[in-house]
Amino acid sequence: YSDDKVQLAMQTYEMVDKHIRRLDA
């Protein structure tokens, strides 16, 4: 369960970061 939570947190970070980069561009 802890590993799943870490993976989900990483996916959430990447999702937000992707939008930030596209907004910057």
mmCIF file of all heavy atoms, coordinates in Angstrom:
data_MODEL
# 
_entry.id   MODEL 
# 
loop_
_atom_site.group_PDB 
_atom_site.id 
_atom_site.type_symbol 
_atom_site.label_atom_id 
_atom_site.label_alt_id 
_atom_site.label_comp_id 
_atom_site.label_asym_id 
_atom_site.label_entity_id 
_atom_site.label_seq_id 
_atom_site.pdbx_PDB_ins_code 
_atom_site.Cartn_x 
_atom_site.Cartn_y 
_atom_site.Cartn_z 
_atom_site.occupancy 
_atom_site.B_iso_or_equiv 
_atom_site.pdbx_formal_charge 
_atom_site.auth_seq_id 
_atom_site.auth_comp_id 
_atom_site.auth_asym_id 
_atom_site.auth_atom_id 
_atom_site.pdbx_PDB_model_num 
ATOM 1   N N   . TYR A 1 1  ? 0.829  -1.203 0.000   1.00 0.00 ? 1  TYR A N   1 
ATOM 2   C CA  . TYR A 1 1  ? 0.000  0.000  0.000   1.00 0.00 ? 1  TYR A CA  1 
ATOM 3   C C   . TYR A 1 1  ? 0.869  1.262  0.000   1.00 0.00 ? 1  TYR A C   1 
ATOM 4   O O   . TYR A 1 1  ? 0.559  2.251  -0.683  1.00 0.00 ? 1  TYR A O   1 
ATOM 5   C CB  . TYR A 1 1  ? -0.910 0.012  1.228   1.00 0.00 ? 1  TYR A CB  1 
ATOM 6   C CG  . TYR A 1 1  ? -1.951 -1.082 1.244   1.00 0.00 ? 1  TYR A CG  1 
ATOM 7   C CD1 . TYR A 1 1  ? -2.408 -1.629 2.450   1.00 0.00 ? 1  TYR A CD1 1 
ATOM 8   C CD2 . TYR A 1 1  ? -2.484 -1.599 0.058   1.00 0.00 ? 1  TYR A CD2 1 
ATOM 9   C CE1 . TYR A 1 1  ? -3.363 -2.634 2.466   1.00 0.00 ? 1  TYR A CE1 1 
ATOM 10  C CE2 . TYR A 1 1  ? -3.428 -2.603 0.067   1.00 0.00 ? 1  TYR A CE2 1 
ATOM 11  C CZ  . TYR A 1 1  ? -3.866 -3.126 1.280   1.00 0.00 ? 1  TYR A CZ  1 
ATOM 12  O OH  . TYR A 1 1  ? -4.808 -4.120 1.297   1.00 0.00 ? 1  TYR A OH  1 
ATOM 13  N N   . SER A 1 2  ? 1.948  1.237  0.752   1.00 0.00 ? 2  SER A N   1 
ATOM 14  C CA  . SER A 1 2  ? 2.844  2.403  0.813   1.00 0.00 ? 2  SER A CA  1 
ATOM 15  C C   . SER A 1 2  ? 3.515  2.648  -0.538  1.00 0.00 ? 2  SER A C   1 
ATOM 16  O O   . SER A 1 2  ? 3.649  3.795  -0.985  1.00 0.00 ? 2  SER A O   1 
ATOM 17  C CB  . SER A 1 2  ? 3.906  2.194  1.893   1.00 0.00 ? 2  SER A CB  1 
ATOM 18  O OG  . SER A 1 2  ? 3.314  2.080  3.173   1.00 0.00 ? 2  SER A OG  1 
ATOM 19  N N   . ASP A 1 3  ? 3.957  1.579  -1.203  1.00 0.00 ? 3  ASP A N   1 
ATOM 20  C CA  . ASP A 1 3  ? 4.573  1.718  -2.523  1.00 0.00 ? 3  ASP A CA  1 
ATOM 21  C C   . ASP A 1 3  ? 3.582  2.289  -3.533  1.00 0.00 ? 3  ASP A C   1 
ATOM 22  O O   . ASP A 1 3  ? 3.934  3.136  -4.366  1.00 0.00 ? 3  ASP A O   1 
ATOM 23  C CB  . ASP A 1 3  ? 5.090  0.362  -3.017  1.00 0.00 ? 3  ASP A CB  1 
ATOM 24  C CG  . ASP A 1 3  ? 6.305  -0.118 -2.228  1.00 0.00 ? 3  ASP A CG  1 
ATOM 25  O OD1 . ASP A 1 3  ? 6.950  0.725  -1.563  1.00 0.00 ? 3  ASP A OD1 1 
ATOM 26  O OD2 . ASP A 1 3  ? 6.598  -1.326 -2.274  1.00 0.00 ? 3  ASP A OD2 1 
ATOM 27  N N   . ASP A 1 4  ? 2.322  1.824  -3.441  1.00 0.00 ? 4  ASP A N   1 
ATOM 28  C CA  . ASP A 1 4  ? 1.289  2.342  -4.340  1.00 0.00 ? 4  ASP A CA  1 
ATOM 29  C C   . ASP A 1 4  ? 1.066  3.840  -4.106  1.00 0.00 ? 4  ASP A C   1 
ATOM 30  O O   . ASP A 1 4  ? 0.872  4.605  -5.052  1.00 0.00 ? 4  ASP A O   1 
ATOM 31  C CB  . ASP A 1 4  ? -0.029 1.589  -4.134  1.00 0.00 ? 4  ASP A CB  1 
ATOM 32  C CG  . ASP A 1 4  ? 0.032  0.169  -4.667  1.00 0.00 ? 4  ASP A CG  1 
ATOM 33  O OD1 . ASP A 1 4  ? 0.961  -0.132 -5.444  1.00 0.00 ? 4  ASP A OD1 1 
ATOM 34  O OD2 . ASP A 1 4  ? -0.831 -0.644 -4.284  1.00 0.00 ? 4  ASP A OD2 1 
ATOM 35  N N   . LYS A 1 5  ? 1.099  4.233  -2.845  1.00 0.00 ? 5  LYS A N   1 
ATOM 36  C CA  . LYS A 1 5  ? 0.893  5.650  -2.520  1.00 0.00 ? 5  LYS A CA  1 
ATOM 37  C C   . LYS A 1 5  ? 2.035  6.501  -3.061  1.00 0.00 ? 5  LYS A C   1 
ATOM 38  O O   . LYS A 1 5  ? 1.813  7.593  -3.604  1.00 0.00 ? 5  LYS A O   1 
ATOM 39  C CB  . LYS A 1 5  ? 0.785  5.821  -1.004  1.00 0.00 ? 5  LYS A CB  1 
ATOM 40  C CG  . LYS A 1 5  ? 0.524  7.262  -0.590  1.00 0.00 ? 5  LYS A CG  1 
ATOM 41  C CD  . LYS A 1 5  ? 0.450  7.395  0.922   1.00 0.00 ? 5  LYS A CD  1 
ATOM 42  C CE  . LYS A 1 5  ? 0.295  8.853  1.322   1.00 0.00 ? 5  LYS A CE  1 
ATOM 43  N NZ  . LYS A 1 5  ? 0.296  9.031  2.774   1.00 0.00 ? 5  LYS A NZ  1 
ATOM 44  N N   . VAL A 1 6  ? 3.275  6.016  -2.929  1.00 0.00 ? 6  VAL A N   1 
ATOM 45  C CA  . VAL A 1 6  ? 4.431  6.757  -3.447  1.00 0.00 ? 6  VAL A CA  1 
ATOM 46  C C   . VAL A 1 6  ? 4.339  6.898  -4.965  1.00 0.00 ? 6  VAL A C   1 
ATOM 47  O O   . VAL A 1 6  ? 4.576  7.970  -5.530  1.00 0.00 ? 6  VAL A O   1 
ATOM 48  C CB  . VAL A 1 6  ? 5.744  6.054  -3.052  1.00 0.00 ? 6  VAL A CB  1 
ATOM 49  C CG1 . VAL A 1 6  ? 6.926  6.663  -3.790  1.00 0.00 ? 6  VAL A CG1 1 
ATOM 50  C CG2 . VAL A 1 6  ? 5.967  6.140  -1.548  1.00 0.00 ? 6  VAL A CG2 1 
ATOM 51  N N   . GLN A 1 7  ? 3.974  5.797  -5.638  1.00 0.00 ? 7  GLN A N   1 
ATOM 52  C CA  . GLN A 1 7  ? 3.848  5.831  -7.095  1.00 0.00 ? 7  GLN A CA  1 
ATOM 53  C C   . GLN A 1 7  ? 2.760  6.804  -7.524  1.00 0.00 ? 7  GLN A C   1 
ATOM 54  O O   . GLN A 1 7  ? 2.917  7.568  -8.499  1.00 0.00 ? 7  GLN A O   1 
ATOM 55  C CB  . GLN A 1 7  ? 3.527  4.424  -7.608  1.00 0.00 ? 7  GLN A CB  1 
ATOM 56  C CG  . GLN A 1 7  ? 3.497  4.306  -9.125  1.00 0.00 ? 7  GLN A CG  1 
ATOM 57  C CD  . GLN A 1 7  ? 4.845  4.577  -9.757  1.00 0.00 ? 7  GLN A CD  1 
ATOM 58  O OE1 . GLN A 1 7  ? 5.870  4.322  -9.145  1.00 0.00 ? 7  GLN A OE1 1 
ATOM 59  N NE2 . GLN A 1 7  ? 4.863  5.082  -10.973 1.00 0.00 ? 7  GLN A NE2 1 
ATOM 60  N N   . LEU A 1 8  ? 1.657  6.814  -6.790  1.00 0.00 ? 8  LEU A N   1 
ATOM 61  C CA  . LEU A 1 8  ? 0.558  7.719  -7.106  1.00 0.00 ? 8  LEU A CA  1 
ATOM 62  C C   . LEU A 1 8  ? 0.973  9.179  -6.896  1.00 0.00 ? 8  LEU A C   1 
ATOM 63  O O   . LEU A 1 8  ? 0.621  10.060 -7.682  1.00 0.00 ? 8  LEU A O   1 
ATOM 64  C CB  . LEU A 1 8  ? -0.647 7.383  -6.232  1.00 0.00 ? 8  LEU A CB  1 
ATOM 65  C CG  . LEU A 1 8  ? -1.938 8.163  -6.496  1.00 0.00 ? 8  LEU A CG  1 
ATOM 66  C CD1 . LEU A 1 8  ? -2.400 7.961  -7.932  1.00 0.00 ? 8  LEU A CD1 1 
ATOM 67  C CD2 . LEU A 1 8  ? -3.020 7.719  -5.529  1.00 0.00 ? 8  LEU A CD2 1 
ATOM 68  N N   . ALA A 1 9  ? 1.737  9.426  -5.842  1.00 0.00 ? 9  ALA A N   1 
ATOM 69  C CA  . ALA A 1 9  ? 2.221  10.786 -5.584  1.00 0.00 ? 9  ALA A CA  1 
ATOM 70  C C   . ALA A 1 9  ? 3.150  11.250 -6.703  1.00 0.00 ? 9  ALA A C   1 
ATOM 71  O O   . ALA A 1 9  ? 3.092  12.404 -7.137  1.00 0.00 ? 9  ALA A O   1 
ATOM 72  C CB  . ALA A 1 9  ? 2.950  10.838 -4.243  1.00 0.00 ? 9  ALA A CB  1 
ATOM 73  N N   . MET A 1 10 ? 4.016  10.362 -7.192  1.00 0.00 ? 10 MET A N   1 
ATOM 74  C CA  . MET A 1 10 ? 4.923  10.709 -8.291  1.00 0.00 ? 10 MET A CA  1 
ATOM 75  C C   . MET A 1 10 ? 4.137  11.009 -9.560  1.00 0.00 ? 10 MET A C   1 
ATOM 76  O O   . MET A 1 10 ? 4.449  11.954 -10.290 1.00 0.00 ? 10 MET A O   1 
ATOM 77  C CB  . MET A 1 10 ? 5.918  9.568  -8.522  1.00 0.00 ? 10 MET A CB  1 
ATOM 78  C CG  . MET A 1 10 ? 6.905  9.370  -7.385  1.00 0.00 ? 10 MET A CG  1 
ATOM 79  S SD  . MET A 1 10 ? 7.965  7.919  -7.617  1.00 0.00 ? 10 MET A SD  1 
ATOM 80  C CE  . MET A 1 10 ? 8.837  8.374  -9.111  1.00 0.00 ? 10 MET A CE  1 
ATOM 81  N N   . GLN A 1 11 ? 3.113  10.208 -9.845  1.00 0.00 ? 11 GLN A N   1 
ATOM 82  C CA  . GLN A 1 11 ? 2.291  10.442 -11.027 1.00 0.00 ? 11 GLN A CA  1 
ATOM 83  C C   . GLN A 1 11 ? 1.568  11.787 -10.929 1.00 0.00 ? 11 GLN A C   1 
ATOM 84  O O   . GLN A 1 11 ? 1.444  12.511 -11.925 1.00 0.00 ? 11 GLN A O   1 
ATOM 85  C CB  . GLN A 1 11 ? 1.274  9.312  -11.182 1.00 0.00 ? 11 GLN A CB  1 
ATOM 86  C CG  . GLN A 1 11 ? 1.887  7.967  -11.558 1.00 0.00 ? 11 GLN A CG  1 
ATOM 87  C CD  . GLN A 1 11 ? 0.865  6.855  -11.576 1.00 0.00 ? 11 GLN A CD  1 
ATOM 88  O OE1 . GLN A 1 11 ? -0.318 7.058  -11.295 1.00 0.00 ? 11 GLN A OE1 1 
ATOM 89  N NE2 . GLN A 1 11 ? 1.306  5.649  -11.887 1.00 0.00 ? 11 GLN A NE2 1 
ATOM 90  N N   . THR A 1 12 ? 1.089  12.117 -9.716  1.00 0.00 ? 12 THR A N   1 
ATOM 91  C CA  . THR A 1 12 ? 0.406  13.393 -9.516  1.00 0.00 ? 12 THR A CA  1 
ATOM 92  C C   . THR A 1 12 ? 1.364  14.555 -9.749  1.00 0.00 ? 12 THR A C   1 
ATOM 93  O O   . THR A 1 12 ? 1.019  15.559 -10.383 1.00 0.00 ? 12 THR A O   1 
ATOM 94  C CB  . THR A 1 12 ? -0.171 13.466 -8.094  1.00 0.00 ? 12 THR A CB  1 
ATOM 95  O OG1 . THR A 1 12 ? -1.033 12.341 -7.874  1.00 0.00 ? 12 THR A OG1 1 
ATOM 96  C CG2 . THR A 1 12 ? -0.958 14.749 -7.888  1.00 0.00 ? 12 THR A CG2 1 
ATOM 97  N N   . TYR A 1 13 ? 2.582  14.432 -9.235  1.00 0.00 ? 13 TYR A N   1 
ATOM 98  C CA  . TYR A 1 13 ? 3.588  15.483 -9.441  1.00 0.00 ? 13 TYR A CA  1 
ATOM 99  C C   . TYR A 1 13 ? 3.888  15.674 -10.927 1.00 0.00 ? 13 TYR A C   1 
ATOM 100 O O   . TYR A 1 13 ? 3.943  16.805 -11.421 1.00 0.00 ? 13 TYR A O   1 
ATOM 101 C CB  . TYR A 1 13 ? 4.868  15.116 -8.692  1.00 0.00 ? 13 TYR A CB  1 
ATOM 102 C CG  . TYR A 1 13 ? 6.021  16.046 -8.983  1.00 0.00 ? 13 TYR A CG  1 
ATOM 103 C CD1 . TYR A 1 13 ? 6.184  17.230 -8.269  1.00 0.00 ? 13 TYR A CD1 1 
ATOM 104 C CD2 . TYR A 1 13 ? 6.948  15.757 -9.983  1.00 0.00 ? 13 TYR A CD2 1 
ATOM 105 C CE1 . TYR A 1 13 ? 7.233  18.092 -8.539  1.00 0.00 ? 13 TYR A CE1 1 
ATOM 106 C CE2 . TYR A 1 13 ? 7.995  16.614 -10.257 1.00 0.00 ? 13 TYR A CE2 1 
ATOM 107 C CZ  . TYR A 1 13 ? 8.131  17.770 -9.536  1.00 0.00 ? 13 TYR A CZ  1 
ATOM 108 O OH  . TYR A 1 13 ? 9.166  18.618 -9.824  1.00 0.00 ? 13 TYR A OH  1 
ATOM 109 N N   . GLU A 1 14 ? 4.077  14.560 -11.636 1.00 0.00 ? 14 GLU A N   1 
ATOM 110 C CA  . GLU A 1 14 ? 4.379  14.648 -13.068 1.00 0.00 ? 14 GLU A CA  1 
ATOM 111 C C   . GLU A 1 14 ? 3.221  15.287 -13.831 1.00 0.00 ? 14 GLU A C   1 
ATOM 112 O O   . GLU A 1 14 ? 3.432  16.056 -14.775 1.00 0.00 ? 14 GLU A O   1 
ATOM 113 C CB  . GLU A 1 14 ? 4.663  13.240 -13.626 1.00 0.00 ? 14 GLU A CB  1 
ATOM 114 C CG  . GLU A 1 14 ? 5.943  12.606 -13.123 1.00 0.00 ? 14 GLU A CG  1 
ATOM 115 C CD  . GLU A 1 14 ? 7.181  13.318 -13.638 1.00 0.00 ? 14 GLU A CD  1 
ATOM 116 O OE1 . GLU A 1 14 ? 7.078  14.025 -14.656 1.00 0.00 ? 14 GLU A OE1 1 
ATOM 117 O OE2 . GLU A 1 14 ? 8.246  13.160 -13.027 1.00 0.00 ? 14 GLU A OE2 1 
ATOM 118 N N   . MET A 1 15 ? 2.000  14.975 -13.425 1.00 0.00 ? 15 MET A N   1 
ATOM 119 C CA  . MET A 1 15 ? 0.827  15.528 -14.096 1.00 0.00 ? 15 MET A CA  1 
ATOM 120 C C   . MET A 1 15 ? 0.774  17.050 -13.938 1.00 0.00 ? 15 MET A C   1 
ATOM 121 O O   . MET A 1 15 ? 0.565  17.781 -14.916 1.00 0.00 ? 15 MET A O   1 
ATOM 122 C CB  . MET A 1 15 ? -0.435 14.890 -13.520 1.00 0.00 ? 15 MET A CB  1 
ATOM 123 C CG  . MET A 1 15 ? -1.739 15.422 -14.086 1.00 0.00 ? 15 MET A CG  1 
ATOM 124 S SD  . MET A 1 15 ? -3.168 14.522 -13.470 1.00 0.00 ? 15 MET A SD  1 
ATOM 125 C CE  . MET A 1 15 ? -3.049 14.854 -11.711 1.00 0.00 ? 15 MET A CE  1 
ATOM 126 N N   . VAL A 1 16 ? 0.977  17.531 -12.712 1.00 0.00 ? 16 VAL A N   1 
ATOM 127 C CA  . VAL A 1 16 ? 0.965  18.975 -12.470 1.00 0.00 ? 16 VAL A CA  1 
ATOM 128 C C   . VAL A 1 16 ? 2.144  19.645 -13.166 1.00 0.00 ? 16 VAL A C   1 
ATOM 129 O O   . VAL A 1 16 ? 2.011  20.712 -13.775 1.00 0.00 ? 16 VAL A O   1 
ATOM 130 C CB  . VAL A 1 16 ? 0.999  19.254 -10.953 1.00 0.00 ? 16 VAL A CB  1 
ATOM 131 C CG1 . VAL A 1 16 ? 1.130  20.751 -10.690 1.00 0.00 ? 16 VAL A CG1 1 
ATOM 132 C CG2 . VAL A 1 16 ? -0.251 18.712 -10.286 1.00 0.00 ? 16 VAL A CG2 1 
ATOM 133 N N   . ASP A 1 17 ? 3.320  19.006 -13.088 1.00 0.00 ? 17 ASP A N   1 
ATOM 134 C CA  . ASP A 1 17 ? 4.521  19.580 -13.689 1.00 0.00 ? 17 ASP A CA  1 
ATOM 135 C C   . ASP A 1 17 ? 4.371  19.702 -15.210 1.00 0.00 ? 17 ASP A C   1 
ATOM 136 O O   . ASP A 1 17 ? 4.842  20.666 -15.810 1.00 0.00 ? 17 ASP A O   1 
ATOM 137 C CB  . ASP A 1 17 ? 5.721  18.697 -13.345 1.00 0.00 ? 17 ASP A CB  1 
ATOM 138 C CG  . ASP A 1 17 ? 7.037  19.327 -13.755 1.00 0.00 ? 17 ASP A CG  1 
ATOM 139 O OD1 . ASP A 1 17 ? 7.344  20.431 -13.277 1.00 0.00 ? 17 ASP A OD1 1 
ATOM 140 O OD2 . ASP A 1 17 ? 7.762  18.712 -14.560 1.00 0.00 ? 17 ASP A OD2 1 
ATOM 141 N N   . LYS A 1 18 ? 3.706  18.738 -15.818 1.00 0.00 ? 18 LYS A N   1 
ATOM 142 C CA  . LYS A 1 18 ? 3.481  18.779 -17.270 1.00 0.00 ? 18 LYS A CA  1 
ATOM 143 C C   . LYS A 1 18 ? 2.646  19.998 -17.651 1.00 0.00 ? 18 LYS A C   1 
ATOM 144 O O   . LYS A 1 18 ? 2.948  20.702 -18.616 1.00 0.00 ? 18 LYS A O   1 
ATOM 145 C CB  . LYS A 1 18 ? 2.774  17.495 -17.719 1.00 0.00 ? 18 LYS A CB  1 
ATOM 146 C CG  . LYS A 1 18 ? 2.505  17.436 -19.207 1.00 0.00 ? 18 LYS A CG  1 
ATOM 147 C CD  . LYS A 1 18 ? 1.837  16.118 -19.568 1.00 0.00 ? 18 LYS A CD  1 
ATOM 148 C CE  . LYS A 1 18 ? 1.542  16.047 -21.062 1.00 0.00 ? 18 LYS A CE  1 
ATOM 149 N NZ  . LYS A 1 18 ? 0.879  14.766 -21.430 1.00 0.00 ? 18 LYS A NZ  1 
ATOM 150 N N   . HIS A 1 19 ? 1.602  20.281 -16.865 1.00 0.00 ? 19 HIS A N   1 
ATOM 151 C CA  . HIS A 1 19 ? 0.763  21.454 -17.143 1.00 0.00 ? 19 HIS A CA  1 
ATOM 152 C C   . HIS A 1 19 ? 1.559  22.747 -16.938 1.00 0.00 ? 19 HIS A C   1 
ATOM 153 O O   . HIS A 1 19 ? 1.384  23.709 -17.681 1.00 0.00 ? 19 HIS A O   1 
ATOM 154 C CB  . HIS A 1 19 ? -0.457 21.445 -16.229 1.00 0.00 ? 19 HIS A CB  1 
ATOM 155 C CG  . HIS A 1 19 ? -1.524 20.477 -16.657 1.00 0.00 ? 19 HIS A CG  1 
ATOM 156 N ND1 . HIS A 1 19 ? -2.259 20.638 -17.809 1.00 0.00 ? 19 HIS A ND1 1 
ATOM 157 C CD2 . HIS A 1 19 ? -1.969 19.334 -16.101 1.00 0.00 ? 19 HIS A CD2 1 
ATOM 158 C CE1 . HIS A 1 19 ? -3.116 19.658 -17.948 1.00 0.00 ? 19 HIS A CE1 1 
ATOM 159 N NE2 . HIS A 1 19 ? -2.957 18.837 -16.916 1.00 0.00 ? 19 HIS A NE2 1 
ATOM 160 N N   . ILE A 1 20 ? 2.422  22.772 -15.933 1.00 0.00 ? 20 ILE A N   1 
ATOM 161 C CA  . ILE A 1 20 ? 3.231  23.964 -15.685 1.00 0.00 ? 20 ILE A CA  1 
ATOM 162 C C   . ILE A 1 20 ? 4.145  24.247 -16.878 1.00 0.00 ? 20 ILE A C   1 
ATOM 163 O O   . ILE A 1 20 ? 4.266  25.391 -17.330 1.00 0.00 ? 20 ILE A O   1 
ATOM 164 C CB  . ILE A 1 20 ? 4.066  23.794 -14.398 1.00 0.00 ? 20 ILE A CB  1 
ATOM 165 C CG1 . ILE A 1 20 ? 3.151  23.822 -13.168 1.00 0.00 ? 20 ILE A CG1 1 
ATOM 166 C CG2 . ILE A 1 20 ? 5.118  24.902 -14.277 1.00 0.00 ? 20 ILE A CG2 1 
ATOM 167 C CD1 . ILE A 1 20 ? 3.859  23.513 -11.871 1.00 0.00 ? 20 ILE A CD1 1 
ATOM 168 N N   . ARG A 1 21 ? 4.795  23.204 -17.382 1.00 0.00 ? 21 ARG A N   1 
ATOM 169 C CA  . ARG A 1 21 ? 5.698  23.392 -18.533 1.00 0.00 ? 21 ARG A CA  1 
ATOM 170 C C   . ARG A 1 21 ? 4.940  23.868 -19.762 1.00 0.00 ? 21 ARG A C   1 
ATOM 171 O O   . ARG A 1 21 ? 5.412  24.731 -20.506 1.00 0.00 ? 21 ARG A O   1 
ATOM 172 C CB  . ARG A 1 21 ? 6.447  22.088 -18.830 1.00 0.00 ? 21 ARG A CB  1 
ATOM 173 C CG  . ARG A 1 21 ? 7.435  21.676 -17.745 1.00 0.00 ? 21 ARG A CG  1 
ATOM 174 C CD  . ARG A 1 21 ? 8.420  20.640 -18.272 1.00 0.00 ? 21 ARG A CD  1 
ATOM 175 N NE  . ARG A 1 21 ? 7.754  19.455 -18.776 1.00 0.00 ? 21 ARG A NE  1 
ATOM 176 C CZ  . ARG A 1 21 ? 7.500  18.367 -18.053 1.00 0.00 ? 21 ARG A CZ  1 
ATOM 177 N NH1 . ARG A 1 21 ? 7.823  18.343 -16.772 1.00 0.00 ? 21 ARG A NH1 1 
ATOM 178 N NH2 . ARG A 1 21 ? 6.917  17.320 -18.583 1.00 0.00 ? 21 ARG A NH2 1 
ATOM 179 N N   . ARG A 1 22 ? 3.745  23.319 -19.982 1.00 0.00 ? 22 ARG A N   1 
ATOM 180 C CA  . ARG A 1 22 ? 2.973  23.724 -21.155 1.00 0.00 ? 22 ARG A CA  1 
ATOM 181 C C   . ARG A 1 22 ? 2.485  25.170 -21.010 1.00 0.00 ? 22 ARG A C   1 
ATOM 182 O O   . ARG A 1 22 ? 2.454  25.929 -21.994 1.00 0.00 ? 22 ARG A O   1 
ATOM 183 C CB  . ARG A 1 22 ? 1.782  22.778 -21.327 1.00 0.00 ? 22 ARG A CB  1 
ATOM 184 C CG  . ARG A 1 22 ? 2.198  21.350 -21.653 1.00 0.00 ? 22 ARG A CG  1 
ATOM 185 C CD  . ARG A 1 22 ? 1.044  20.396 -21.582 1.00 0.00 ? 22 ARG A CD  1 
ATOM 186 N NE  . ARG A 1 22 ? 0.314  20.315 -22.829 1.00 0.00 ? 22 ARG A NE  1 
ATOM 187 C CZ  . ARG A 1 22 ? -0.762 19.535 -23.000 1.00 0.00 ? 22 ARG A CZ  1 
ATOM 188 N NH1 . ARG A 1 22 ? -1.191 18.809 -22.004 1.00 0.00 ? 22 ARG A NH1 1 
ATOM 189 N NH2 . ARG A 1 22 ? -1.375 19.502 -24.153 1.00 0.00 ? 22 ARG A NH2 1 
ATOM 190 N N   . LEU A 1 23 ? 2.114  25.542 -19.793 1.00 0.00 ? 23 LEU A N   1 
ATOM 191 C CA  . LEU A 1 23 ? 1.704  26.927 -19.566 1.00 0.00 ? 23 LEU A CA  1 
ATOM 192 C C   . LEU A 1 23 ? 2.872  27.888 -19.781 1.00 0.00 ? 23 LEU A C   1 
ATOM 193 O O   . LEU A 1 23 ? 2.696  28.979 -20.343 1.00 0.00 ? 23 LEU A O   1 
ATOM 194 C CB  . LEU A 1 23 ? 1.149  27.080 -18.147 1.00 0.00 ? 23 LEU A CB  1 
ATOM 195 C CG  . LEU A 1 23 ? -0.275 26.568 -17.916 1.00 0.00 ? 23 LEU A CG  1 
ATOM 196 C CD1 . LEU A 1 23 ? -0.596 26.588 -16.429 1.00 0.00 ? 23 LEU A CD1 1 
ATOM 197 C CD2 . LEU A 1 23 ? -1.279 27.404 -18.694 1.00 0.00 ? 23 LEU A CD2 1 
ATOM 198 N N   . ASP A 1 24 ? 4.059  27.501 -19.327 1.00 0.00 ? 24 ASP A N   1 
ATOM 199 C CA  . ASP A 1 24 ? 5.240  28.341 -19.550 1.00 0.00 ? 24 ASP A CA  1 
ATOM 200 C C   . ASP A 1 24 ? 5.491  28.546 -21.042 1.00 0.00 ? 24 ASP A C   1 
ATOM 201 O O   . ASP A 1 24 ? 5.794  29.650 -21.498 1.00 0.00 ? 24 ASP A O   1 
ATOM 202 C CB  . ASP A 1 24 ? 6.474  27.688 -18.909 1.00 0.00 ? 24 ASP A CB  1 
ATOM 203 C CG  . ASP A 1 24 ? 6.539  27.946 -17.412 1.00 0.00 ? 24 ASP A CG  1 
ATOM 204 O OD1 . ASP A 1 24 ? 5.859  28.871 -16.953 1.00 0.00 ? 24 ASP A OD1 1 
ATOM 205 O OD2 . ASP A 1 24 ? 7.260  27.216 -16.724 1.00 0.00 ? 24 ASP A OD2 1 
ATOM 206 N N   . ALA A 1 25 ? 5.377  27.454 -21.801 1.00 0.00 ? 25 ALA A N   1 
ATOM 207 C CA  . ALA A 1 25 ? 5.614  27.549 -23.246 1.00 0.00 ? 25 ALA A CA  1 
ATOM 208 C C   . ALA A 1 25 ? 4.560  28.427 -23.921 1.00 0.00 ? 25 ALA A C   1 
ATOM 209 O O   . ALA A 1 25 ? 4.885  29.268 -24.769 1.00 0.00 ? 25 ALA A O   1 
ATOM 210 C CB  . ALA A 1 25 ? 5.613  26.148 -23.867 1.00 0.00 ? 25 ALA A CB  1 
# 
